[in-house]
Amino acid sequence: MRFSSRVGSTKLNPIARAEATARSQGIALDTVNDSNPTKHGLAPSEVRGVYTAEPRGPLSVRKQLARFLTNRNLAELAAEGQNSSESVDPDRLYLLSSTSEAYTWLFKLMCDPGDIVLGPKPGYPLIESIGGLENVDTLEYQLQFDGSWFIDVAWLRELLESPEGHKVQAIVLINPNNPTGSYVKPEEREALVKLCGENDVAIIADEVFFDYSLEQFAGNRRLAGERRALTFALDGFSKLLAAPHAKVGWIQVSGPERLVVEAQRRLDIIADDYLPFSDIIAARMPELLAAVPGQLHRVQERTRANLDRLHTLLREDESGLVSVLRAEGGWNVLLHFPSVIDENDLVLRLIHDFNLTGQPGYYFDMIENGYLAVSLLPEPDVFERNIEAVLATVSRELEIV
């Protein structure tokens, strides 16, 4: 597998460099994290601790996170009738401020200018935007809809095996995708992992919405921990806690050992240049982790109840002009209305008449007109008013047309 030439191929990574320096000076490694200020001539009132730069994030926090992720994996397997799972290795985790930052790091790691990263279409426009900032070309692979969404694996195989395939360094799998809500199906996973392994393509698995299952199919699993292809799984608190201001994300690295070691050696250099994870945030990690189960439960109840109510409202709507595409997971759904209605006109009318808005389908590169993405997060009575406003607006716009 080829990594970016922008990240030094021979430079000693910061973790190894710190260990080498400590050994050369006869310093015990456990004293590097000594946080007793009085040993450094400082009174406790002047400073509470000694800052130690750790590129991957403080080891103590990564251990807490690894236990949380391991327990989560065990619970998911138990729900499927299985009772074994490998523990998550804290040394395979990187803490940073957000999954958006994770994308920038991984694009730096994998790509030279002009290399290609594949992303889903329809999909959130973040990947293309970050790719542009990193001088990386993004190419969309198509999700097809036939009652449910599926990945066009045959097209991906044809691309990767073409003369241009060597430019593709990574594929982004959003599991489940936004706004389609579609998980990576078991058969898709098997085909894609094999394809990536054979063609030296890394997997970037964005799984921030994984826990919010709705109308999912059986057998869907996280890509985090996948060992057959080099895999970088992304997750974070902004979605787990439904709190956009909770800016903590992480990368979990897995895959063939040789590739993981080389990837981490280079990723450590990038992480050392940014050092984004604050000790102030680290001190809050235990309570943030403890808050996840309760918050997940509340959001799951809200989104599932609102989706049920949405189906009822659509069945009861006499006009029958609006339908909803199958929502496997996440907290957004795609409404479909007659394509003769312009998406922009519909959104502008919602803003003008009801002080409401939604995201038009073209925002996510839907291949045809007639879609609106709406959130399942509002309070139930507010959500119902929102949907009734959409139905009324669609009827009115159709009369105008």
Protein backbone atom coordinates (compact mmCIF):
# COMPACT_ATOMS: atom_id res chain seq x y z
CA MET A 1 0.00 0.00 0.00
CA ARG A 2 1.28 3.46 -0.90
CA PHE A 3 1.07 6.21 1.71
CA SER A 4 1.41 9.93 1.06
CA SER A 5 4.89 11.23 0.39
CA ARG A 6 3.90 14.34 2.37
CA VAL A 7 4.27 12.39 5.62
CA GLY A 8 7.94 11.49 6.09
CA SER A 9 8.72 7.88 5.24
CA THR A 10 11.85 7.77 7.41
CA LYS A 11 11.12 10.31 10.13
CA LEU A 12 10.94 8.75 13.59
CA ASN A 13 7.41 9.05 14.91
CA PRO A 14 6.94 11.19 18.03
CA ILE A 15 6.11 8.30 20.35
CA ALA A 16 9.25 6.40 19.37
CA ARG A 17 11.24 9.65 19.54
CA ALA A 18 10.08 10.34 23.11
CA GLU A 19 10.96 6.80 24.18
CA ALA A 20 14.41 7.03 22.57
CA THR A 21 15.11 10.38 24.23
CA ALA A 22 14.02 9.08 27.62
CA ARG A 23 16.24 6.01 27.30
CA SER A 24 19.25 8.08 26.18
CA GLN A 25 18.89 10.31 29.24
CA GLY A 26 18.27 7.45 31.64
CA ILE A 27 14.76 8.67 32.42
CA ALA A 28 12.11 6.17 33.47
CA LEU A 29 9.21 6.48 31.10
CA ASP A 30 6.63 6.60 33.88
CA THR A 31 8.15 9.85 35.17
CA VAL A 32 7.31 11.62 31.92
CA ASN A 33 3.67 11.81 33.04
CA ASP A 34 4.53 13.01 36.55
CA SER A 35 1.91 15.63 37.34
CA ASN A 36 3.09 16.60 40.81
CA PRO A 37 3.83 20.34 40.43
CA THR A 38 5.75 20.63 43.70
CA LYS A 39 8.53 18.46 42.24
CA HIS A 40 9.08 21.15 39.64
CA GLY A 41 9.33 24.05 42.05
CA LEU A 42 5.74 25.17 41.57
CA ALA A 43 3.15 25.57 44.29
CA PRO A 44 -0.15 23.69 43.82
CA SER A 45 -1.98 27.03 43.65
CA GLU A 46 0.12 28.08 40.66
CA VAL A 47 -0.40 25.03 38.45
CA ARG A 48 -2.43 21.87 38.80
CA GLY A 49 -0.26 19.59 36.68
CA VAL A 50 2.46 19.23 34.08
CA TYR A 51 1.26 19.05 30.49
CA THR A 52 2.60 16.09 28.54
CA ALA A 53 2.02 16.04 24.81
CA GLU A 54 0.66 12.65 23.73
CA PRO A 55 -0.06 12.54 19.97
CA ARG A 56 -2.74 9.85 20.21
CA GLY A 57 -4.35 11.45 23.25
CA PRO A 58 -3.70 10.63 26.93
CA LEU A 59 -3.24 6.90 27.41
CA SER A 60 -5.46 6.88 30.49
CA VAL A 61 -8.32 8.34 28.43
CA ARG A 62 -7.72 5.96 25.56
CA LYS A 63 -7.94 3.06 28.01
CA GLN A 64 -11.29 4.35 29.28
CA LEU A 65 -12.55 4.71 25.73
CA ALA A 66 -11.25 1.25 24.78
CA ARG A 67 -13.18 -0.33 27.68
CA PHE A 68 -16.32 1.53 26.61
CA LEU A 69 -15.96 0.38 22.99
CA THR A 70 -15.20 -3.20 24.04
CA ASN A 71 -18.28 -3.35 26.25
CA ARG A 72 -20.39 -1.88 23.46
CA ASN A 73 -19.13 -4.53 21.05
CA LEU A 74 -19.91 -7.28 23.56
CA ALA A 75 -23.45 -5.97 24.02
CA GLU A 76 -24.04 -5.82 20.26
CA LEU A 77 -22.76 -9.37 19.75
CA ALA A 78 -24.84 -10.64 22.66
CA ALA A 79 -27.92 -9.14 21.04
CA GLU A 80 -27.12 -11.29 17.98
CA GLY A 81 -26.72 -14.42 20.10
CA GLN A 82 -22.91 -14.33 20.07
CA ASN A 83 -20.75 -14.18 23.18
CA SER A 84 -17.20 -13.35 22.14
CA SER A 85 -15.41 -10.21 21.04
CA GLU A 86 -11.82 -9.00 20.92
CA SER A 87 -10.93 -6.18 23.26
CA VAL A 88 -10.29 -2.81 21.65
CA ASP A 89 -6.60 -1.92 21.93
CA PRO A 90 -6.11 1.62 23.31
CA ASP A 91 -2.92 1.90 21.26
CA ARG A 92 -5.06 1.65 18.13
CA LEU A 93 -7.08 4.74 19.11
CA TYR A 94 -6.50 8.41 18.26
CA LEU A 95 -8.40 11.16 20.08
CA LEU A 96 -9.10 14.41 18.31
CA SER A 97 -11.66 17.18 18.12
CA SER A 98 -14.07 15.82 15.51
CA THR A 99 -14.61 13.34 12.70
CA SER A 100 -14.11 16.24 10.27
CA GLU A 101 -10.58 16.62 11.61
CA ALA A 102 -10.16 12.85 11.31
CA TYR A 103 -10.91 13.09 7.60
CA THR A 104 -8.23 15.76 7.13
CA TRP A 105 -5.64 13.62 8.93
CA LEU A 106 -6.48 10.53 6.92
CA PHE A 107 -6.43 12.39 3.60
CA LYS A 108 -2.97 13.70 4.52
CA LEU A 109 -1.89 10.19 5.50
CA MET A 110 -3.17 8.38 2.41
CA CYS A 111 -3.03 10.87 -0.46
CA ASP A 112 -0.69 13.01 -2.47
CA PRO A 113 -2.25 15.86 -4.48
CA GLY A 114 -4.25 14.37 -7.35
CA ASP A 115 -4.92 11.05 -5.63
CA ILE A 116 -8.54 9.94 -5.34
CA VAL A 117 -10.83 9.23 -2.40
CA LEU A 118 -14.19 7.61 -3.16
CA GLY A 119 -17.32 8.83 -1.39
CA PRO A 120 -21.02 7.89 -1.60
CA LYS A 121 -23.62 9.63 -3.73
CA PRO A 122 -26.15 10.59 -2.41
CA GLY A 123 -24.16 11.70 0.59
CA TYR A 124 -23.24 14.58 2.85
CA PRO A 125 -21.04 17.12 0.98
CA LEU A 126 -18.37 17.21 3.70
CA ILE A 127 -16.04 14.73 1.99
CA GLU A 128 -15.76 16.72 -1.23
CA SER A 129 -15.18 19.94 0.69
CA ILE A 130 -12.40 18.51 2.87
CA GLY A 131 -10.86 16.79 -0.15
CA GLY A 132 -10.64 20.15 -1.88
CA LEU A 133 -8.85 21.66 1.11
CA GLU A 134 -6.35 18.79 1.04
CA ASN A 135 -5.80 18.92 -2.77
CA VAL A 136 -7.32 15.45 -3.01
CA ASP A 137 -9.72 14.51 -5.79
CA THR A 138 -13.01 13.00 -4.64
CA LEU A 139 -14.98 10.69 -6.88
CA GLU A 140 -18.53 9.65 -6.12
CA TYR A 141 -19.70 6.04 -6.19
CA GLN A 142 -23.41 5.58 -6.66
CA LEU A 143 -25.92 4.31 -4.13
CA GLN A 144 -28.88 2.78 -5.95
CA PHE A 145 -32.45 2.65 -4.64
CA ASP A 146 -34.78 -0.28 -5.25
CA GLY A 147 -37.06 -0.20 -2.23
CA SER A 148 -33.86 0.11 -0.16
CA TRP A 149 -30.44 1.54 -0.87
CA PHE A 150 -27.50 -0.56 -2.03
CA ILE A 151 -23.91 0.09 -3.17
CA ASP A 152 -23.00 -0.45 -6.82
CA VAL A 153 -20.11 -2.81 -6.06
CA ALA A 154 -19.73 -3.82 -9.71
CA TRP A 155 -18.98 -0.21 -10.67
CA LEU A 156 -16.40 0.05 -7.90
CA ARG A 157 -14.73 -3.16 -9.03
CA GLU A 158 -14.56 -1.92 -12.62
CA LEU A 159 -13.02 1.38 -11.48
CA LEU A 160 -10.39 -0.16 -9.20
CA GLU A 161 -9.34 -2.66 -11.85
CA SER A 162 -9.11 0.02 -14.57
CA PRO A 163 -5.87 1.84 -15.56
CA GLU A 164 -6.96 4.78 -13.37
CA GLY A 165 -7.58 2.56 -10.35
CA HIS A 166 -4.08 3.06 -8.94
CA LYS A 167 -4.99 6.67 -8.08
CA VAL A 168 -7.67 5.53 -5.62
CA GLN A 169 -6.19 5.48 -2.13
CA ALA A 170 -9.29 5.17 0.07
CA ILE A 171 -13.02 4.60 0.01
CA VAL A 172 -15.35 6.27 2.49
CA LEU A 173 -18.13 4.00 3.77
CA ILE A 174 -20.67 5.88 5.87
CA ASN A 175 -22.43 3.29 8.00
CA PRO A 176 -25.27 4.28 8.02
CA ASN A 177 -25.15 6.90 5.31
CA ASN A 178 -26.59 10.40 5.60
CA PRO A 179 -29.23 11.20 4.35
CA THR A 180 -30.21 7.80 2.91
CA GLY A 181 -29.93 6.11 6.31
CA SER A 182 -28.60 2.96 4.63
CA TYR A 183 -26.21 0.62 6.44
CA VAL A 184 -23.44 -1.31 4.67
CA LYS A 185 -25.10 -4.70 4.17
CA PRO A 186 -23.22 -7.89 5.12
CA GLU A 187 -22.78 -9.02 1.50
CA GLU A 188 -21.59 -5.54 0.51
CA ARG A 189 -19.07 -5.55 3.33
CA GLU A 190 -17.62 -8.89 2.25
CA ALA A 191 -17.26 -7.77 -1.36
CA LEU A 192 -15.81 -4.35 -0.50
CA VAL A 193 -13.30 -5.63 2.07
CA LYS A 194 -12.03 -8.18 -0.44
CA LEU A 195 -11.90 -5.58 -3.20
CA CYS A 196 -9.98 -3.10 -1.04
CA GLY A 197 -7.54 -5.73 0.15
CA GLU A 198 -6.79 -6.86 -3.40
CA ASN A 199 -6.30 -3.30 -4.68
CA ASP A 200 -4.43 -1.72 -1.71
CA VAL A 201 -7.28 0.67 -0.93
CA ALA A 202 -7.91 1.80 2.65
CA ILE A 203 -11.39 1.94 4.18
CA ILE A 204 -12.52 5.06 6.05
CA ALA A 205 -15.63 3.94 7.95
CA ASP A 206 -17.70 6.84 9.27
CA GLU A 207 -19.99 5.19 11.86
CA VAL A 208 -21.19 8.17 13.88
CA PHE A 209 -24.87 7.26 13.29
CA PHE A 210 -24.49 3.50 13.76
CA ASP A 211 -26.33 3.33 17.09
CA TYR A 212 -29.47 5.00 15.73
CA SER A 213 -31.10 2.03 14.02
CA LEU A 214 -34.62 2.46 12.63
CA GLU A 215 -35.88 0.09 9.92
CA GLN A 216 -32.64 -1.81 9.51
CA PHE A 217 -32.04 -5.19 7.94
CA ALA A 218 -30.60 -8.07 9.97
CA GLY A 219 -26.88 -8.71 10.14
CA ASN A 220 -25.50 -5.18 9.85
CA ARG A 221 -22.23 -4.77 11.74
CA ARG A 222 -19.69 -2.06 12.44
CA LEU A 223 -16.62 -1.89 10.24
CA ALA A 224 -14.60 -0.80 13.28
CA GLY A 225 -12.06 -3.52 14.04
CA GLU A 226 -12.10 -5.00 10.53
CA ARG A 227 -8.79 -6.85 10.09
CA ARG A 228 -8.80 -7.95 6.45
CA ALA A 229 -8.19 -4.47 4.99
CA LEU A 230 -6.59 -1.34 6.42
CA THR A 231 -9.53 0.34 8.16
CA PHE A 232 -9.96 3.66 9.94
CA ALA A 233 -13.26 3.77 11.86
CA LEU A 234 -14.56 7.20 12.91
CA ASP A 235 -16.92 7.98 15.78
CA GLY A 236 -17.47 10.72 18.34
CA PHE A 237 -19.59 12.31 21.03
CA SER A 238 -21.40 14.90 18.93
CA LYS A 239 -23.66 12.13 17.57
CA LEU A 240 -23.48 9.67 20.49
CA LEU A 241 -24.71 12.42 22.83
CA ALA A 242 -26.76 14.29 20.17
CA ALA A 243 -24.73 17.31 21.23
CA PRO A 244 -23.00 19.18 18.37
CA HIS A 245 -20.90 21.14 20.86
CA ALA A 246 -19.38 17.94 22.33
CA LYS A 247 -16.36 18.13 20.05
CA VAL A 248 -14.59 14.86 20.78
CA GLY A 249 -13.94 12.30 18.06
CA TRP A 250 -11.73 9.28 17.61
CA ILE A 251 -10.14 7.06 15.00
CA GLN A 252 -9.84 3.30 15.55
CA VAL A 253 -7.18 1.71 13.34
CA SER A 254 -7.34 -1.94 12.32
CA GLY A 255 -6.28 -4.23 9.50
CA PRO A 256 -3.30 -6.40 8.55
CA GLU A 257 -0.60 -5.85 11.17
CA ARG A 258 2.08 -4.73 8.72
CA LEU A 259 -0.15 -2.03 7.27
CA VAL A 260 -1.42 -0.90 10.68
CA VAL A 261 2.11 -0.46 12.03
CA GLU A 262 3.21 1.60 9.04
CA ALA A 263 0.02 3.66 9.00
CA GLN A 264 0.30 4.46 12.71
CA ARG A 265 3.96 5.38 12.43
CA ARG A 266 3.00 8.04 9.92
CA LEU A 267 -0.28 9.00 11.60
CA ASP A 268 1.65 9.67 14.81
CA ILE A 269 3.62 12.35 12.97
CA ILE A 270 0.43 14.08 11.85
CA ALA A 271 -1.10 13.79 15.32
CA ASP A 272 2.05 15.21 16.90
CA ASP A 273 1.88 18.26 14.63
CA TYR A 274 -1.71 19.02 15.71
CA LEU A 275 -1.99 17.76 19.32
CA PRO A 276 -5.70 18.66 19.33
CA PHE A 277 -6.87 16.83 22.42
CA SER A 278 -7.07 19.03 25.51
CA ASP A 279 -6.32 17.84 29.04
CA ILE A 280 -9.34 19.88 30.11
CA ILE A 281 -11.54 17.67 27.92
CA ALA A 282 -9.68 14.56 29.06
CA ALA A 283 -10.76 15.26 32.63
CA ARG A 284 -14.41 15.20 31.49
CA MET A 285 -14.20 11.94 29.55
CA PRO A 286 -15.49 9.64 32.33
CA GLU A 287 -18.72 11.60 32.72
CA LEU A 288 -19.15 11.96 28.95
CA LEU A 289 -18.80 8.19 28.51
CA ALA A 290 -21.17 7.58 31.40
CA ALA A 291 -23.79 9.82 29.79
CA VAL A 292 -23.84 7.94 26.47
CA PRO A 293 -26.22 5.03 27.28
CA GLY A 294 -28.96 7.24 28.71
CA GLN A 295 -28.74 9.82 25.94
CA LEU A 296 -28.67 7.13 23.25
CA HIS A 297 -31.83 5.61 24.70
CA ARG A 298 -33.63 8.96 24.75
CA VAL A 299 -32.71 9.79 21.16
CA GLN A 300 -33.56 6.28 19.93
CA GLU A 301 -37.01 6.48 21.54
CA ARG A 302 -37.62 9.93 20.07
CA THR A 303 -36.53 9.11 16.51
CA ARG A 304 -38.35 5.77 16.36
CA ALA A 305 -41.57 7.26 17.74
CA ASN A 306 -41.41 10.17 15.29
CA LEU A 307 -40.80 7.80 12.38
CA ASP A 308 -43.86 5.76 13.40
CA ARG A 309 -45.90 8.95 13.59
CA LEU A 310 -44.59 10.02 10.18
CA HIS A 311 -45.83 6.79 8.60
CA THR A 312 -49.25 7.35 10.19
CA LEU A 313 -49.49 10.94 8.98
CA LEU A 314 -48.56 9.91 5.44
CA ARG A 315 -51.13 7.10 5.43
CA GLU A 316 -53.82 9.49 6.64
CA ASP A 317 -52.96 12.21 4.12
CA GLU A 318 -55.76 12.12 1.55
CA SER A 319 -53.67 13.64 -1.22
CA GLY A 320 -51.07 10.87 -1.09
CA LEU A 321 -48.52 13.20 -2.62
CA VAL A 322 -45.68 12.55 -0.16
CA SER A 323 -43.92 9.31 0.71
CA VAL A 324 -40.89 8.44 2.82
CA LEU A 325 -37.97 6.29 1.68
CA ARG A 326 -37.02 3.38 3.90
CA ALA A 327 -34.99 4.73 6.81
CA GLU A 328 -32.63 2.05 8.12
CA GLY A 329 -30.73 4.26 10.56
CA GLY A 330 -29.68 7.75 11.57
CA TRP A 331 -31.97 10.59 12.60
CA ASN A 332 -32.91 12.07 9.21
CA VAL A 333 -35.37 10.76 6.63
CA LEU A 334 -35.91 11.51 2.95
CA LEU A 335 -39.40 12.59 1.90
CA HIS A 336 -40.35 12.19 -1.74
CA PHE A 337 -42.86 14.51 -3.43
CA PRO A 338 -43.89 15.12 -7.07
CA SER A 339 -40.82 16.12 -9.06
CA VAL A 340 -42.69 18.89 -10.88
CA ILE A 341 -42.33 20.88 -7.65
CA ASP A 342 -38.98 22.64 -7.45
CA GLU A 343 -37.08 21.74 -4.27
CA ASN A 344 -35.91 25.30 -3.73
CA ASP A 345 -39.45 26.65 -4.13
CA LEU A 346 -40.69 24.17 -1.55
CA VAL A 347 -38.02 25.07 1.01
CA LEU A 348 -38.49 28.81 0.48
CA ARG A 349 -42.24 28.42 0.95
CA LEU A 350 -41.69 26.51 4.21
CA ILE A 351 -39.45 29.30 5.44
CA HIS A 352 -41.87 32.05 4.42
CA ASP A 353 -45.12 30.48 5.62
CA PHE A 354 -44.04 28.40 8.61
CA ASN A 355 -40.56 29.62 9.60
CA LEU A 356 -39.37 26.05 8.94
CA THR A 357 -36.70 24.61 6.72
CA GLY A 358 -35.41 21.31 5.42
CA GLN A 359 -32.52 20.27 3.20
CA PRO A 360 -33.35 19.87 -0.50
CA GLY A 361 -32.31 16.65 -2.17
CA TYR A 362 -29.78 18.26 -4.50
CA TYR A 363 -27.78 19.24 -1.42
CA PHE A 364 -26.88 15.55 -1.15
CA ASP A 365 -26.55 14.97 -4.91
CA MET A 366 -29.82 13.09 -5.30
CA ILE A 367 -30.00 12.17 -8.97
CA GLU A 368 -33.47 13.66 -9.52
CA ASN A 369 -35.69 16.42 -8.19
CA GLY A 370 -38.39 15.83 -5.58
CA TYR A 371 -36.71 15.11 -2.25
CA LEU A 372 -36.55 16.81 1.13
CA ALA A 373 -34.46 15.68 4.11
CA VAL A 374 -36.15 16.26 7.48
CA SER A 375 -35.02 15.56 11.03
CA LEU A 376 -36.60 13.05 13.41
CA LEU A 377 -35.16 14.84 16.44
CA PRO A 378 -37.82 17.46 17.33
CA GLU A 379 -40.27 17.02 20.19
CA PRO A 380 -43.20 14.86 19.01
CA ASP A 381 -45.77 17.67 18.83
CA VAL A 382 -43.30 19.93 17.01
CA PHE A 383 -42.37 17.12 14.63
CA GLU A 384 -46.03 16.49 13.79
CA ARG A 385 -46.59 20.20 13.04
CA ASN A 386 -43.50 20.18 10.85
CA ILE A 387 -44.75 17.25 8.77
CA GLU A 388 -48.23 18.77 8.47
CA ALA A 389 -46.58 21.97 7.22
CA VAL A 390 -44.67 20.00 4.58
CA LEU A 391 -47.83 18.22 3.41
CA ALA A 392 -49.76 21.51 3.17
CA THR A 393 -46.90 23.18 1.30
CA VAL A 394 -46.56 20.35 -1.19
CA SER A 395 -50.30 20.55 -1.95
CA ARG A 396 -50.10 24.32 -2.39
CA GLU A 397 -47.02 24.16 -4.64
CA LEU A 398 -48.67 21.52 -6.80
CA GLU A 399 -51.70 23.79 -7.29
CA ILE A 400 -49.35 26.59 -8.41
CA VAL A 401 -47.58 24.31 -10.84
